[in-house]
Amino acid sequence: MSHFRTLGRSAAWVALPAVAALFFTGCTRAVAGAPVKSNALLSVDLGTVLLDPAEVGDVMGTSGLVVLDEGNGPDDTIDASPAKCHGVVYIAGETEYAPTNFTAMRWQTVGAPGVGSVVELVAQLPSVAKADEFIDKQTKAWQGCADETITATEKVKRSSVTQYRVTAVRARPHIVTASTRVVSSDMRCQHVVQAVSNVIIEASACGNNVSDQAEAIAEKLAEKVAAG
């Protein structure tokens, strides 16, 4: 499950079996409005929040996508160097989520061979303060990774190494976004982490034409969370 969650690799994108040729070829969606934020403690049916393959395809401008992988808990299958940048290139990592005492999590990878893939995650934390703390911590870490080259090495297959160049980090209230480029292929990636009350949302997308698609997916997830 985990090897599908490192930014820019094949079958799942922010995780990948072979950083290779899974490229999105669709249109870019503009993201409007401010991040959704509520002070109320939310209890969300996580199974209803994640976008289905058709919804993801609409954002990515492609069709024929399917669920490639899914899970309900974190892990870590890569070592990142610098270590502080692990969360920039990995979704649902124990490194990031173990300290949060999260109460529930769902993530899935959506894609198709030869087309590309997206990873989306929603995690429920025990309090709004915990979610805010998580975003603040990730924002500080990601900002410290600006202009860095991150080396991701799979723990099992140590010869599987991918490098990502961080090209931009942008923070707004309750949300942080990182743009990266896979050094060996020039593939472009975007990764978003956002807090909606006590719920954390992550979305990532990679491909030749990726710009703000991960932001568009995160916005849709946030709307679903806020709607209950």
C-alpha atoms as a PDB file:
ATOM      1  CA  MET A   1       0.000   0.000   0.000  1.00  0.00           C
ATOM      2  CA  SER A   2       2.670   2.467   0.947  1.00  0.00           C
ATOM      3  CA  HIS A   3       4.703   2.338  -2.220  1.00  0.00           C
ATOM      4  CA  PHE A   4       1.835   4.110  -3.939  1.00  0.00           C
ATOM      5  CA  ARG A   5       2.123   7.206  -1.849  1.00  0.00           C
ATOM      6  CA  THR A   6       5.456   8.769  -2.717  1.00  0.00           C
ATOM      7  CA  LEU A   7       5.224  11.833  -4.975  1.00  0.00           C
ATOM      8  CA  GLY A   8       5.620  11.183  -8.620  1.00  0.00           C
ATOM      9  CA  ARG A   9       6.005   7.387  -8.885  1.00  0.00           C
ATOM     10  CA  SER A  10       4.021   5.277 -11.171  1.00  0.00           C
ATOM     11  CA  ALA A  11       0.891   3.476 -10.131  1.00  0.00           C
ATOM     12  CA  ALA A  12      -0.205   5.785  -7.432  1.00  0.00           C
ATOM     13  CA  TRP A  13       1.445   8.928  -7.397  1.00  0.00           C
ATOM     14  CA  VAL A  14       2.796  10.210  -4.270  1.00  0.00           C
ATOM     15  CA  ALA A  15       4.481   7.024  -3.905  1.00  0.00           C
ATOM     16  CA  LEU A  16       5.417   5.010  -6.827  1.00  0.00           C
ATOM     17  CA  PRO A  17       6.701   1.889  -8.198  1.00  0.00           C
ATOM     18  CA  ALA A  18       8.716   3.362 -10.938  1.00  0.00           C
ATOM     19  CA  VAL A  19       8.694   7.082 -11.389  1.00  0.00           C
ATOM     20  CA  ALA A  20       7.773   6.744 -14.885  1.00  0.00           C
ATOM     21  CA  ALA A  21       5.272   7.463 -17.357  1.00  0.00           C
ATOM     22  CA  LEU A  22       2.007   8.153 -15.664  1.00  0.00           C
ATOM     23  CA  PHE A  23       1.196  11.578 -16.911  1.00  0.00           C
ATOM     24  CA  PHE A  24      -1.964  13.633 -16.655  1.00  0.00           C
ATOM     25  CA  THR A  25      -3.045  15.295 -19.833  1.00  0.00           C
ATOM     26  CA  GLY A  26      -5.985  17.363 -18.725  1.00  0.00           C
ATOM     27  CA  CYS A  27      -7.130  20.833 -18.061  1.00  0.00           C
ATOM     28  CA  THR A  28      -6.320  22.937 -15.036  1.00  0.00           C
ATOM     29  CA  ARG A  29      -9.058  23.995 -12.638  1.00  0.00           C
ATOM     30  CA  ALA A  30      -8.949  27.374 -10.956  1.00  0.00           C
ATOM     31  CA  VAL A  31      -9.318  27.389  -7.181  1.00  0.00           C
ATOM     32  CA  ALA A  32     -11.414  30.206  -5.805  1.00  0.00           C
ATOM     33  CA  GLY A  33     -12.296  31.378  -2.338  1.00  0.00           C
ATOM     34  CA  ALA A  34     -10.743  30.991   1.080  1.00  0.00           C
ATOM     35  CA  PRO A  35     -10.053  27.660   2.781  1.00  0.00           C
ATOM     36  CA  VAL A  36     -13.028  26.211   4.597  1.00  0.00           C
ATOM     37  CA  LYS A  37     -12.542  26.428   8.370  1.00  0.00           C
ATOM     38  CA  SER A  38     -14.893  25.731  11.239  1.00  0.00           C
ATOM     39  CA  ASN A  39     -14.480  25.950  14.998  1.00  0.00           C
ATOM     40  CA  ALA A  40     -16.965  23.132  15.554  1.00  0.00           C
ATOM     41  CA  LEU A  41     -15.680  19.629  16.276  1.00  0.00           C
ATOM     42  CA  LEU A  42     -16.653  17.446  13.332  1.00  0.00           C
ATOM     43  CA  SER A  43     -17.453  13.759  13.196  1.00  0.00           C
ATOM     44  CA  VAL A  44     -17.304  12.712   9.561  1.00  0.00           C
ATOM     45  CA  ASP A  45     -18.030   9.461   7.724  1.00  0.00           C
ATOM     46  CA  LEU A  46     -14.639   9.321   6.026  1.00  0.00           C
ATOM     47  CA  GLY A  47     -15.880   6.800   3.481  1.00  0.00           C
ATOM     48  CA  THR A  48     -18.151   9.442   1.971  1.00  0.00           C
ATOM     49  CA  VAL A  49     -15.532  12.176   1.658  1.00  0.00           C
ATOM     50  CA  LEU A  50     -12.991  10.839  -0.832  1.00  0.00           C
ATOM     51  CA  LEU A  51     -13.692  11.583  -4.483  1.00  0.00           C
ATOM     52  CA  ASP A  52     -14.560   8.628  -6.686  1.00  0.00           C
ATOM     53  CA  PRO A  53     -12.541   7.915  -9.854  1.00  0.00           C
ATOM     54  CA  ALA A  54     -14.967   9.799 -12.103  1.00  0.00           C
ATOM     55  CA  GLU A  55     -14.797  12.885  -9.876  1.00  0.00           C
ATOM     56  CA  VAL A  56     -11.003  12.749  -9.860  1.00  0.00           C
ATOM     57  CA  GLY A  57     -11.044  12.326 -13.640  1.00  0.00           C
ATOM     58  CA  ASP A  58     -13.160  15.453 -14.020  1.00  0.00           C
ATOM     59  CA  VAL A  59     -10.529  17.484 -12.171  1.00  0.00           C
ATOM     60  CA  MET A  60      -7.634  15.899 -14.011  1.00  0.00           C
ATOM     61  CA  GLY A  61      -9.295  16.136 -17.414  1.00  0.00           C
ATOM     62  CA  THR A  62      -9.142  12.419 -18.140  1.00  0.00           C
ATOM     63  CA  SER A  63     -11.312   9.299 -17.912  1.00  0.00           C
ATOM     64  CA  GLY A  64     -11.058   5.584 -17.226  1.00  0.00           C
ATOM     65  CA  LEU A  65      -9.533   5.994 -13.764  1.00  0.00           C
ATOM     66  CA  VAL A  66      -9.976   3.310 -11.106  1.00  0.00           C
ATOM     67  CA  VAL A  67      -9.067   2.856  -7.439  1.00  0.00           C
ATOM     68  CA  LEU A  68      -5.559   1.368  -7.455  1.00  0.00           C
ATOM     69  CA  ASP A  69      -4.950   1.165  -3.723  1.00  0.00           C
ATOM     70  CA  GLU A  70      -6.546   2.222  -0.445  1.00  0.00           C
ATOM     71  CA  GLY A  71      -6.042   2.045   3.292  1.00  0.00           C
ATOM     72  CA  ASN A  72      -7.178   3.234   6.697  1.00  0.00           C
ATOM     73  CA  GLY A  73      -3.918   3.869   8.516  1.00  0.00           C
ATOM     74  CA  PRO A  74      -0.449   5.393   8.175  1.00  0.00           C
ATOM     75  CA  ASP A  75       2.921   3.818   7.523  1.00  0.00           C
ATOM     76  CA  ASP A  76       6.359   4.813   6.280  1.00  0.00           C
ATOM     77  CA  THR A  77       8.039   2.930   3.444  1.00  0.00           C
ATOM     78  CA  ILE A  78      10.645   5.507   2.466  1.00  0.00           C
ATOM     79  CA  ASP A  79      13.537   7.322   4.039  1.00  0.00           C
ATOM     80  CA  ALA A  80      13.708  10.974   3.038  1.00  0.00           C
ATOM     81  CA  SER A  81      16.779  13.161   3.004  1.00  0.00           C
ATOM     82  CA  PRO A  82      16.588  15.769   4.433  1.00  0.00           C
ATOM     83  CA  ALA A  83      14.449  13.925   6.980  1.00  0.00           C
ATOM     84  CA  LYS A  84      12.479  17.084   7.791  1.00  0.00           C
ATOM     85  CA  CYS A  85      11.077  16.987   4.236  1.00  0.00           C
ATOM     86  CA  HIS A  86       9.508  13.517   4.519  1.00  0.00           C
ATOM     87  CA  GLY A  87       5.977  14.923   4.601  1.00  0.00           C
ATOM     88  CA  VAL A  88       6.494  16.923   1.412  1.00  0.00           C
ATOM     89  CA  VAL A  89       6.846  13.756  -0.673  1.00  0.00           C
ATOM     90  CA  TYR A  90       4.854  11.189   1.334  1.00  0.00           C
ATOM     91  CA  ILE A  91       1.167  10.965   2.236  1.00  0.00           C
ATOM     92  CA  ALA A  92      -0.194   9.233   5.359  1.00  0.00           C
ATOM     93  CA  GLY A  93       3.200   8.723   6.943  1.00  0.00           C
ATOM     94  CA  GLU A  94       3.602   7.512  10.511  1.00  0.00           C
ATOM     95  CA  THR A  95       6.284  10.169  10.879  1.00  0.00           C
ATOM     96  CA  GLU A  96       3.658  12.860  10.418  1.00  0.00           C
ATOM     97  CA  TYR A  97       0.501  11.247  11.846  1.00  0.00           C
ATOM     98  CA  ALA A  98       1.613   9.151  14.833  1.00  0.00           C
ATOM     99  CA  PRO A  99       1.960  12.208  17.109  1.00  0.00           C
ATOM    100  CA  THR A 100      -1.565  13.444  16.278  1.00  0.00           C
ATOM    101  CA  ASN A 101      -3.516  10.656  18.034  1.00  0.00           C
ATOM    102  CA  PHE A 102      -5.788  10.575  14.964  1.00  0.00           C
ATOM    103  CA  THR A 103      -9.054   8.723  15.524  1.00  0.00           C
ATOM    104  CA  ALA A 104      -9.782   7.666  11.931  1.00  0.00           C
ATOM    105  CA  MET A 105      -8.133   7.805   8.506  1.00  0.00           C
ATOM    106  CA  ARG A 106      -8.963   6.909   4.921  1.00  0.00           C
ATOM    107  CA  TRP A 107      -6.778   7.286   1.864  1.00  0.00           C
ATOM    108  CA  GLN A 108      -6.911   6.017  -1.687  1.00  0.00           C
ATOM    109  CA  THR A 109      -4.972   6.104  -4.917  1.00  0.00           C
ATOM    110  CA  VAL A 110      -6.909   6.672  -8.128  1.00  0.00           C
ATOM    111  CA  GLY A 111      -5.410   6.269 -11.581  1.00  0.00           C
ATOM    112  CA  ALA A 112      -4.960   4.129 -14.657  1.00  0.00           C
ATOM    113  CA  PRO A 113      -1.919   2.503 -16.292  1.00  0.00           C
ATOM    114  CA  GLY A 114      -0.275   4.878 -18.690  1.00  0.00           C
ATOM    115  CA  VAL A 115      -2.484   7.779 -17.603  1.00  0.00           C
ATOM    116  CA  GLY A 116      -1.513   8.877 -14.118  1.00  0.00           C
ATOM    117  CA  SER A 117      -2.748   8.825 -10.550  1.00  0.00           C
ATOM    118  CA  VAL A 118      -3.845  10.921  -7.595  1.00  0.00           C
ATOM    119  CA  VAL A 119      -3.668  10.218  -3.868  1.00  0.00           C
ATOM    120  CA  GLU A 120      -6.297  11.685  -1.538  1.00  0.00           C
ATOM    121  CA  LEU A 121      -6.542  11.377   2.242  1.00  0.00           C
ATOM    122  CA  VAL A 122      -8.846  12.442   5.055  1.00  0.00           C
ATOM    123  CA  ALA A 123      -7.962  11.971   8.738  1.00  0.00           C
ATOM    124  CA  GLN A 124     -10.011  12.844  11.809  1.00  0.00           C
ATOM    125  CA  LEU A 125      -8.057  14.256  14.756  1.00  0.00           C
ATOM    126  CA  PRO A 126      -9.311  14.464  18.356  1.00  0.00           C
ATOM    127  CA  SER A 127      -9.538  18.274  18.443  1.00  0.00           C
ATOM    128  CA  VAL A 128      -9.342  21.453  16.404  1.00  0.00           C
ATOM    129  CA  ALA A 129      -6.202  22.358  18.345  1.00  0.00           C
ATOM    130  CA  LYS A 130      -4.545  19.111  17.230  1.00  0.00           C
ATOM    131  CA  ALA A 131      -5.416  19.818  13.595  1.00  0.00           C
ATOM    132  CA  ASP A 132      -4.098  23.373  13.828  1.00  0.00           C
ATOM    133  CA  GLU A 133      -0.931  22.074  15.476  1.00  0.00           C
ATOM    134  CA  PHE A 134      -0.481  19.561  12.657  1.00  0.00           C
ATOM    135  CA  ILE A 135      -0.855  22.220   9.961  1.00  0.00           C
ATOM    136  CA  ASP A 136       1.497  24.605  11.766  1.00  0.00           C
ATOM    137  CA  LYS A 137       4.119  21.877  12.101  1.00  0.00           C
ATOM    138  CA  GLN A 138       3.852  20.826   8.452  1.00  0.00           C
ATOM    139  CA  THR A 139       3.906  24.429   7.267  1.00  0.00           C
ATOM    140  CA  LYS A 140       7.110  25.119   9.167  1.00  0.00           C
ATOM    141  CA  ALA A 141       8.710  21.912   7.882  1.00  0.00           C
ATOM    142  CA  TRP A 142       7.681  22.490   4.275  1.00  0.00           C
ATOM    143  CA  GLN A 143       8.859  26.092   4.305  1.00  0.00           C
ATOM    144  CA  GLY A 144      12.197  24.793   5.537  1.00  0.00           C
ATOM    145  CA  CYS A 145      12.333  22.556   2.459  1.00  0.00           C
ATOM    146  CA  ALA A 146      11.883  25.344  -0.105  1.00  0.00           C
ATOM    147  CA  ASP A 147      14.454  25.021  -2.897  1.00  0.00           C
ATOM    148  CA  GLU A 148      15.701  21.722  -1.429  1.00  0.00           C
ATOM    149  CA  THR A 149      16.290  18.538  -3.411  1.00  0.00           C
ATOM    150  CA  ILE A 150      14.625  15.689  -1.501  1.00  0.00           C
ATOM    151  CA  THR A 151      15.928  12.149  -1.948  1.00  0.00           C
ATOM    152  CA  ALA A 152      13.347   9.422  -1.274  1.00  0.00           C
ATOM    153  CA  THR A 153      14.744   5.907  -0.829  1.00  0.00           C
ATOM    154  CA  GLU A 154      12.467   2.889  -0.473  1.00  0.00           C
ATOM    155  CA  LYS A 155      13.220   1.050   2.768  1.00  0.00           C
ATOM    156  CA  VAL A 156      12.844  -2.443   1.295  1.00  0.00           C
ATOM    157  CA  LYS A 157      14.350  -1.907  -2.129  1.00  0.00           C
ATOM    158  CA  ARG A 158      17.207   0.442  -1.289  1.00  0.00           C
ATOM    159  CA  SER A 159      18.176   0.769  -4.943  1.00  0.00           C
ATOM    160  CA  SER A 160      14.851   2.499  -5.668  1.00  0.00           C
ATOM    161  CA  VAL A 161      15.657   6.182  -5.271  1.00  0.00           C
ATOM    162  CA  THR A 162      13.743   9.223  -6.481  1.00  0.00           C
ATOM    163  CA  GLN A 163      14.755  12.863  -6.184  1.00  0.00           C
ATOM    164  CA  TYR A 164      12.323  15.762  -6.006  1.00  0.00           C
ATOM    165  CA  ARG A 165      13.224  19.405  -6.382  1.00  0.00           C
ATOM    166  CA  VAL A 166      10.945  21.668  -4.329  1.00  0.00           C
ATOM    167  CA  THR A 167      10.031  24.550  -6.617  1.00  0.00           C
ATOM    168  CA  ALA A 168       7.511  26.399  -4.434  1.00  0.00           C
ATOM    169  CA  VAL A 169       5.912  26.334  -0.984  1.00  0.00           C
ATOM    170  CA  ARG A 170       2.851  28.471  -0.291  1.00  0.00           C
ATOM    171  CA  ALA A 171       1.052  28.795   3.043  1.00  0.00           C
ATOM    172  CA  ARG A 172      -2.332  30.311   3.838  1.00  0.00           C
ATOM    173  CA  PRO A 173      -4.440  29.997   6.986  1.00  0.00           C
ATOM    174  CA  HIS A 174      -5.055  26.291   7.640  1.00  0.00           C
ATOM    175  CA  ILE A 175      -3.457  25.139   4.358  1.00  0.00           C
ATOM    176  CA  VAL A 176       0.011  24.588   2.915  1.00  0.00           C
ATOM    177  CA  THR A 177       0.897  23.675  -0.671  1.00  0.00           C
ATOM    178  CA  ALA A 178       4.162  22.395  -2.130  1.00  0.00           C
ATOM    179  CA  SER A 179       5.119  22.124  -5.784  1.00  0.00           C
ATOM    180  CA  THR A 180       7.911  19.750  -6.760  1.00  0.00           C
ATOM    181  CA  ARG A 181       9.650  18.454  -9.854  1.00  0.00           C
ATOM    182  CA  VAL A 182      10.932  14.896 -10.264  1.00  0.00           C
ATOM    183  CA  VAL A 183      14.578  15.471 -11.138  1.00  0.00           C
ATOM    184  CA  SER A 184      15.003  12.450 -13.423  1.00  0.00           C
ATOM    185  CA  SER A 185      11.902  13.037 -15.541  1.00  0.00           C
ATOM    186  CA  ASP A 186      10.927  16.682 -15.090  1.00  0.00           C
ATOM    187  CA  MET A 187       7.478  15.498 -13.959  1.00  0.00           C
ATOM    188  CA  ARG A 188       5.603  18.203 -12.036  1.00  0.00           C
ATOM    189  CA  CYS A 189       3.806  17.490  -8.765  1.00  0.00           C
ATOM    190  CA  GLN A 190       1.578  19.354  -6.328  1.00  0.00           C
ATOM    191  CA  HIS A 191       0.798  18.341  -2.722  1.00  0.00           C
ATOM    192  CA  VAL A 192      -1.746  20.058  -0.461  1.00  0.00           C
ATOM    193  CA  VAL A 193      -2.405  19.616   3.271  1.00  0.00           C
ATOM    194  CA  GLN A 194      -5.396  21.414   4.788  1.00  0.00           C
ATOM    195  CA  ALA A 195      -7.269  21.529   8.097  1.00  0.00           C
ATOM    196  CA  VAL A 196     -11.056  21.805   8.269  1.00  0.00           C
ATOM    197  CA  SER A 197     -11.918  22.023  11.952  1.00  0.00           C
ATOM    198  CA  ASN A 198     -10.448  18.809  13.453  1.00  0.00           C
ATOM    199  CA  VAL A 199     -10.141  17.051  10.074  1.00  0.00           C
ATOM    200  CA  ILE A 200      -6.960  16.917   7.970  1.00  0.00           C
ATOM    201  CA  ILE A 201      -7.183  16.661   4.183  1.00  0.00           C
ATOM    202  CA  GLU A 202      -4.334  15.752   1.849  1.00  0.00           C
ATOM    203  CA  ALA A 203      -4.329  15.651  -1.946  1.00  0.00           C
ATOM    204  CA  SER A 204      -1.511  15.099  -4.369  1.00  0.00           C
ATOM    205  CA  ALA A 205      -1.207  15.015  -8.137  1.00  0.00           C
ATOM    206  CA  CYS A 206       1.694  14.477 -10.529  1.00  0.00           C
ATOM    207  CA  GLY A 207       2.121  14.703 -14.305  1.00  0.00           C
ATOM    208  CA  ASN A 208       3.346  16.701 -17.246  1.00  0.00           C
ATOM    209  CA  ASN A 209       0.569  19.274 -16.981  1.00  0.00           C
ATOM    210  CA  VAL A 210      -0.064  19.466 -13.244  1.00  0.00           C
ATOM    211  CA  SER A 211      -0.364  22.940 -11.780  1.00  0.00           C
ATOM    212  CA  ASP A 212      -3.236  23.416  -9.319  1.00  0.00           C
ATOM    213  CA  GLN A 213      -5.183  20.139  -9.644  1.00  0.00           C
ATOM    214  CA  ALA A 214      -4.285  18.997  -6.130  1.00  0.00           C
ATOM    215  CA  GLU A 215      -5.678  22.284  -4.802  1.00  0.00           C
ATOM    216  CA  ALA A 216      -8.907  21.705  -6.730  1.00  0.00           C
ATOM    217  CA  ILE A 217      -9.257  18.204  -5.279  1.00  0.00           C
ATOM    218  CA  ALA A 218      -8.512  19.445  -1.753  1.00  0.00           C
ATOM    219  CA  GLU A 219     -11.160  22.135  -2.155  1.00  0.00           C
ATOM    220  CA  LYS A 220     -13.769  19.514  -3.089  1.00  0.00           C
ATOM    221  CA  LEU A 221     -12.769  17.336  -0.137  1.00  0.00           C
ATOM    222  CA  ALA A 222     -12.995  20.324   2.209  1.00  0.00           C
ATOM    223  CA  GLU A 223     -16.501  21.106   0.972  1.00  0.00           C
ATOM    224  CA  LYS A 224     -17.587  17.530   1.658  1.00  0.00           C
ATOM    225  CA  VAL A 225     -16.074  17.585   5.151  1.00  0.00           C
ATOM    226  CA  ALA A 226     -17.711  20.920   6.010  1.00  0.00           C
ATOM    227  CA  ALA A 227     -21.074  19.619   4.761  1.00  0.00           C
ATOM    228  CA  GLY A 228     -20.806  16.670   7.137  1.00  0.00           C
END
